[in-house]
Amino acid sequence: MADEFGRVRAEMLAQDHVFSLLGGRTVDQALEAGLSTKEVWQAVCDAFEVPAERR
C-alpha cells in the first residue's frame, strides 16, 4: 500500500478507512480477522480504482 499511496496515507487507510468489500472493516481489522492479504489488497484497489497494472 505504501508504494501506491505513500507511507503516511497507507497507514491512515489501514487504520481508519472502513471498506464495505471487507465486511465493514478496516484493512487492519480485516487482516486480524484472517482475510488474506491478496483479498484485502483487491478490496483496496477496487475502492480506489487502482489500475490493473499496479494491482
PDB file of N, CA and C in Angstrom:
ATOM      1  N   MET A   1       0.816  -1.179   0.000  1.00  0.00           N
ATOM      2  CA  MET A   1       0.000   0.000   0.000  1.00  0.00           C
ATOM      3  C   MET A   1       0.865   1.250   0.000  1.00  0.00           C
ATOM      4  N   ALA A   2       1.997   1.188   0.684  1.00  0.00           N
ATOM      5  CA  ALA A   2       2.867   2.360   0.742  1.00  0.00           C
ATOM      6  C   ALA A   2       3.374   2.750  -0.643  1.00  0.00           C
ATOM      7  N   ASP A   3       3.651   1.765  -1.486  1.00  0.00           N
ATOM      8  CA  ASP A   3       4.111   2.075  -2.843  1.00  0.00           C
ATOM      9  C   ASP A   3       3.042   2.797  -3.645  1.00  0.00           C
ATOM     10  N   GLU A   4       1.797   2.449  -3.424  1.00  0.00           N
ATOM     11  CA  GLU A   4       0.702   3.041  -4.193  1.00  0.00           C
ATOM     12  C   GLU A   4       0.248   4.379  -3.616  1.00  0.00           C
ATOM     13  N   PHE A   5       0.137   4.472  -2.290  1.00  0.00           N
ATOM     14  CA  PHE A   5      -0.475   5.641  -1.659  1.00  0.00           C
ATOM     15  C   PHE A   5       0.487   6.519  -0.853  1.00  0.00           C
ATOM     16  N   GLY A   6       1.720   6.069  -0.678  1.00  0.00           N
ATOM     17  CA  GLY A   6       2.648   6.771   0.194  1.00  0.00           C
ATOM     18  C   GLY A   6       2.511   6.217   1.609  1.00  0.00           C
ATOM     19  N   ARG A   7       3.590   6.243   2.355  1.00  0.00           N
ATOM     20  CA  ARG A   7       3.622   5.607   3.669  1.00  0.00           C
ATOM     21  C   ARG A   7       2.567   6.152   4.618  1.00  0.00           C
ATOM     22  N   VAL A   8       2.472   7.455   4.733  1.00  0.00           N
ATOM     23  CA  VAL A   8       1.556   8.068   5.705  1.00  0.00           C
ATOM     24  C   VAL A   8       0.107   7.788   5.335  1.00  0.00           C
ATOM     25  N   ARG A   9      -0.243   7.993   4.083  1.00  0.00           N
ATOM     26  CA  ARG A   9      -1.630   7.751   3.668  1.00  0.00           C
ATOM     27  C   ARG A   9      -1.982   6.270   3.796  1.00  0.00           C
ATOM     28  N   ALA A  10      -1.067   5.388   3.451  1.00  0.00           N
ATOM     29  CA  ALA A  10      -1.318   3.951   3.572  1.00  0.00           C
ATOM     30  C   ALA A  10      -1.597   3.569   5.023  1.00  0.00           C
ATOM     31  N   GLU A  11      -0.828   4.113   5.942  1.00  0.00           N
ATOM     32  CA  GLU A  11      -1.050   3.834   7.362  1.00  0.00           C
ATOM     33  C   GLU A  11      -2.416   4.337   7.806  1.00  0.00           C
ATOM     34  N   MET A  12      -2.792   5.532   7.365  1.00  0.00           N
ATOM     35  CA  MET A  12      -4.107   6.090   7.714  1.00  0.00           C
ATOM     36  C   MET A  12      -5.226   5.226   7.144  1.00  0.00           C
ATOM     37  N   LEU A  13      -5.088   4.826   5.872  1.00  0.00           N
ATOM     38  CA  LEU A  13      -6.108   3.984   5.262  1.00  0.00           C
ATOM     39  C   LEU A  13      -6.249   2.660   5.999  1.00  0.00           C
ATOM     40  N   ALA A  14      -5.136   2.058   6.342  1.00  0.00           N
ATOM     41  CA  ALA A  14      -5.162   0.757   7.012  1.00  0.00           C
ATOM     42  C   ALA A  14      -5.847   0.838   8.375  1.00  0.00           C
ATOM     43  N   GLN A  15      -5.676   1.937   9.057  1.00  0.00           N
ATOM     44  CA  GLN A  15      -6.218   2.088  10.401  1.00  0.00           C
ATOM     45  C   GLN A  15      -7.627   2.657  10.428  1.00  0.00           C
ATOM     46  N   ASP A  16      -7.962   3.558   9.496  1.00  0.00           N
ATOM     47  CA  ASP A  16      -9.168   4.366   9.643  1.00  0.00           C
ATOM     48  C   ASP A  16     -10.254   4.157   8.593  1.00  0.00           C
ATOM     49  N   HIS A  17      -9.896   3.770   7.383  1.00  0.00           N
ATOM     50  CA  HIS A  17     -10.894   3.684   6.305  1.00  0.00           C
ATOM     51  C   HIS A  17     -11.631   2.349   6.385  1.00  0.00           C
ATOM     52  N   VAL A  18     -12.957   2.411   6.469  1.00  0.00           N
ATOM     53  CA  VAL A  18     -13.792   1.213   6.525  1.00  0.00           C
ATOM     54  C   VAL A  18     -14.211   0.855   5.105  1.00  0.00           C
ATOM     55  N   PHE A  19     -13.964  -0.376   4.723  1.00  0.00           N
ATOM     56  CA  PHE A  19     -14.258  -0.864   3.378  1.00  0.00           C
ATOM     57  C   PHE A  19     -15.455  -1.802   3.419  1.00  0.00           C
ATOM     58  N   SER A  20     -16.471  -1.508   2.630  1.00  0.00           N
ATOM     59  CA  SER A  20     -17.642  -2.382   2.576  1.00  0.00           C
ATOM     60  C   SER A  20     -17.262  -3.755   2.016  1.00  0.00           C
ATOM     61  N   LEU A  21     -16.311  -3.778   1.079  1.00  0.00           N
ATOM     62  CA  LEU A  21     -15.873  -5.055   0.499  1.00  0.00           C
ATOM     63  C   LEU A  21     -15.131  -5.937   1.499  1.00  0.00           C
ATOM     64  N   LEU A  22     -14.765  -5.363   2.626  1.00  0.00           N
ATOM     65  CA  LEU A  22     -14.100  -6.132   3.689  1.00  0.00           C
ATOM     66  C   LEU A  22     -15.055  -6.375   4.852  1.00  0.00           C
ATOM     67  N   GLY A  23     -16.339  -6.301   4.575  1.00  0.00           N
ATOM     68  CA  GLY A  23     -17.326  -6.563   5.614  1.00  0.00           C
ATOM     69  C   GLY A  23     -17.441  -5.461   6.645  1.00  0.00           C
ATOM     70  N   GLY A  24     -17.210  -4.224   6.209  1.00  0.00           N
ATOM     71  CA  GLY A  24     -17.287  -3.094   7.132  1.00  0.00           C
ATOM     72  C   GLY A  24     -16.101  -3.017   8.069  1.00  0.00           C
ATOM     73  N   ARG A  25     -14.962  -3.502   7.595  1.00  0.00           N
ATOM     74  CA  ARG A  25     -13.728  -3.487   8.401  1.00  0.00           C
ATOM     75  C   ARG A  25     -12.692  -2.563   7.769  1.00  0.00           C
ATOM     76  N   THR A  26     -11.744  -2.183   8.594  1.00  0.00           N
ATOM     77  CA  THR A  26     -10.559  -1.508   8.080  1.00  0.00           C
ATOM     78  C   THR A  26      -9.604  -2.583   7.560  1.00  0.00           C
ATOM     79  N   VAL A  27      -8.556  -2.175   6.882  1.00  0.00           N
ATOM     80  CA  VAL A  27      -7.531  -3.119   6.428  1.00  0.00           C
ATOM     81  C   VAL A  27      -6.948  -3.866   7.627  1.00  0.00           C
ATOM     82  N   ASP A  28      -6.586  -3.144   8.661  1.00  0.00           N
ATOM     83  CA  ASP A  28      -6.001  -3.782   9.848  1.00  0.00           C
ATOM     84  C   ASP A  28      -6.954  -4.800  10.463  1.00  0.00           C
ATOM     85  N   GLN A  29      -8.224  -4.445  10.579  1.00  0.00           N
ATOM     86  CA  GLN A  29      -9.215  -5.357  11.151  1.00  0.00           C
ATOM     87  C   GLN A  29      -9.413  -6.589  10.270  1.00  0.00           C
ATOM     88  N   ALA A  30      -9.438  -6.380   8.968  1.00  0.00           N
ATOM     89  CA  ALA A  30      -9.629  -7.493   8.038  1.00  0.00           C
ATOM     90  C   ALA A  30      -8.472  -8.482   8.132  1.00  0.00           C
ATOM     91  N   LEU A  31      -7.258  -7.963   8.202  1.00  0.00           N
ATOM     92  CA  LEU A  31      -6.097  -8.845   8.325  1.00  0.00           C
ATOM     93  C   LEU A  31      -6.112  -9.586   9.658  1.00  0.00           C
ATOM     94  N   GLU A  32      -6.485  -8.894  10.719  1.00  0.00           N
ATOM     95  CA  GLU A  32      -6.572  -9.534  12.035  1.00  0.00           C
ATOM     96  C   GLU A  32      -7.654 -10.614  12.048  1.00  0.00           C
ATOM     97  N   ALA A  33      -8.707 -10.424  11.254  1.00  0.00           N
ATOM     98  CA  ALA A  33      -9.807 -11.391  11.187  1.00  0.00           C
ATOM     99  C   ALA A  33      -9.452 -12.600  10.318  1.00  0.00           C
ATOM    100  N   GLY A  34      -8.292 -12.558   9.677  1.00  0.00           N
ATOM    101  CA  GLY A  34      -7.836 -13.703   8.909  1.00  0.00           C
ATOM    102  C   GLY A  34      -8.033 -13.624   7.412  1.00  0.00           C
ATOM    103  N   LEU A  35      -8.495 -12.487   6.892  1.00  0.00           N
ATOM    104  CA  LEU A  35      -8.598 -12.344   5.445  1.00  0.00           C
ATOM    105  C   LEU A  35      -7.198 -12.324   4.851  1.00  0.00           C
ATOM    106  N   SER A  36      -7.066 -12.850   3.656  1.00  0.00           N
ATOM    107  CA  SER A  36      -5.746 -12.899   3.030  1.00  0.00           C
ATOM    108  C   SER A  36      -5.313 -11.505   2.585  1.00  0.00           C
ATOM    109  N   THR A  37      -4.019 -11.320   2.518  1.00  0.00           N
ATOM    110  CA  THR A  37      -3.504 -10.026   2.058  1.00  0.00           C
ATOM    111  C   THR A  37      -3.945  -9.753   0.623  1.00  0.00           C
ATOM    112  N   LYS A  38      -4.044 -10.791  -0.195  1.00  0.00           N
ATOM    113  CA  LYS A  38      -4.488 -10.626  -1.579  1.00  0.00           C
ATOM    114  C   LYS A  38      -5.924 -10.121  -1.624  1.00  0.00           C
ATOM    115  N   GLU A  39      -6.798 -10.715  -0.816  1.00  0.00           N
ATOM    116  CA  GLU A  39      -8.195 -10.295  -0.768  1.00  0.00           C
ATOM    117  C   GLU A  39      -8.326  -8.850  -0.296  1.00  0.00           C
ATOM    118  N   VAL A  40      -7.541  -8.492   0.709  1.00  0.00           N
ATOM    119  CA  VAL A  40      -7.578  -7.132   1.241  1.00  0.00           C
ATOM    120  C   VAL A  40      -7.065  -6.150   0.195  1.00  0.00           C
ATOM    121  N   TRP A  41      -5.963  -6.479  -0.452  1.00  0.00           N
ATOM    122  CA  TRP A  41      -5.404  -5.582  -1.472  1.00  0.00           C
ATOM    123  C   TRP A  41      -6.384  -5.395  -2.624  1.00  0.00           C
ATOM    124  N   GLN A  42      -7.060  -6.453  -3.044  1.00  0.00           N
ATOM    125  CA  GLN A  42      -8.050  -6.335  -4.113  1.00  0.00           C
ATOM    126  C   GLN A  42      -9.183  -5.395  -3.720  1.00  0.00           C
ATOM    127  N   ALA A  43      -9.619  -5.463  -2.481  1.00  0.00           N
ATOM    128  CA  ALA A  43     -10.684  -4.571  -1.998  1.00  0.00           C
ATOM    129  C   ALA A  43     -10.221  -3.116  -2.005  1.00  0.00           C
ATOM    130  N   VAL A  44      -8.997  -2.889  -1.569  1.00  0.00           N
ATOM    131  CA  VAL A  44      -8.439  -1.528  -1.568  1.00  0.00           C
ATOM    132  C   VAL A  44      -8.350  -1.010  -3.007  1.00  0.00           C
ATOM    133  N   CYS A  45      -7.835  -1.841  -3.900  1.00  0.00           N
ATOM    134  CA  CYS A  45      -7.695  -1.443  -5.301  1.00  0.00           C
ATOM    135  C   CYS A  45      -9.043  -1.132  -5.931  1.00  0.00           C
ATOM    136  N   ASP A  46     -10.042  -1.949  -5.634  1.00  0.00           N
ATOM    137  CA  ASP A  46     -11.377  -1.700  -6.174  1.00  0.00           C
ATOM    138  C   ASP A  46     -11.942  -0.382  -5.646  1.00  0.00           C
ATOM    139  N   ALA A  47     -11.788  -0.146  -4.355  1.00  0.00           N
ATOM    140  CA  ALA A  47     -12.338   1.059  -3.737  1.00  0.00           C
ATOM    141  C   ALA A  47     -11.695   2.327  -4.269  1.00  0.00           C
ATOM    142  N   PHE A  48     -10.395   2.264  -4.570  1.00  0.00           N
ATOM    143  CA  PHE A  48      -9.670   3.450  -5.009  1.00  0.00           C
ATOM    144  C   PHE A  48      -9.326   3.429  -6.493  1.00  0.00           C
ATOM    145  N   GLU A  49      -9.929   2.479  -7.219  1.00  0.00           N
ATOM    146  CA  GLU A  49      -9.754   2.386  -8.670  1.00  0.00           C
ATOM    147  C   GLU A  49      -8.289   2.384  -9.097  1.00  0.00           C
ATOM    148  N   VAL A  50      -7.507   1.547  -8.424  1.00  0.00           N
ATOM    149  CA  VAL A  50      -6.107   1.382  -8.789  1.00  0.00           C
ATOM    150  C   VAL A  50      -6.063   0.632 -10.111  1.00  0.00           C
ATOM    151  N   PRO A  51      -5.337   1.138 -11.098  1.00  0.00           N
ATOM    152  CA  PRO A  51      -5.262   0.482 -12.400  1.00  0.00           C
ATOM    153  C   PRO A  51      -4.714  -0.939 -12.291  1.00  0.00           C
ATOM    154  N   ALA A  52      -5.183  -1.796 -13.172  1.00  0.00           N
ATOM    155  CA  ALA A  52      -4.825  -3.211 -13.151  1.00  0.00           C
ATOM    156  C   ALA A  52      -3.311  -3.443 -13.167  1.00  0.00           C
ATOM    157  N   GLU A  53      -2.581  -2.617 -13.886  1.00  0.00           N
ATOM    158  CA  GLU A  53      -1.128  -2.824 -13.975  1.00  0.00           C
ATOM    159  C   GLU A  53      -0.390  -2.537 -12.671  1.00  0.00           C
ATOM    160  N   ARG A  54      -1.070  -1.925 -11.701  1.00  0.00           N
ATOM    161  CA  ARG A  54      -0.426  -1.639 -10.410  1.00  0.00           C
ATOM    162  C   ARG A  54      -1.029  -2.464  -9.270  1.00  0.00           C
ATOM    163  N   ARG A  55      -1.884  -3.399  -9.607  1.00  0.00           N
ATOM    164  CA  ARG A  55      -2.516  -4.223  -8.559  1.00  0.00           C
ATOM    165  C   ARG A  55      -1.634  -5.359  -8.136  1.00  0.00           C
TER     166      ARG A  55
END
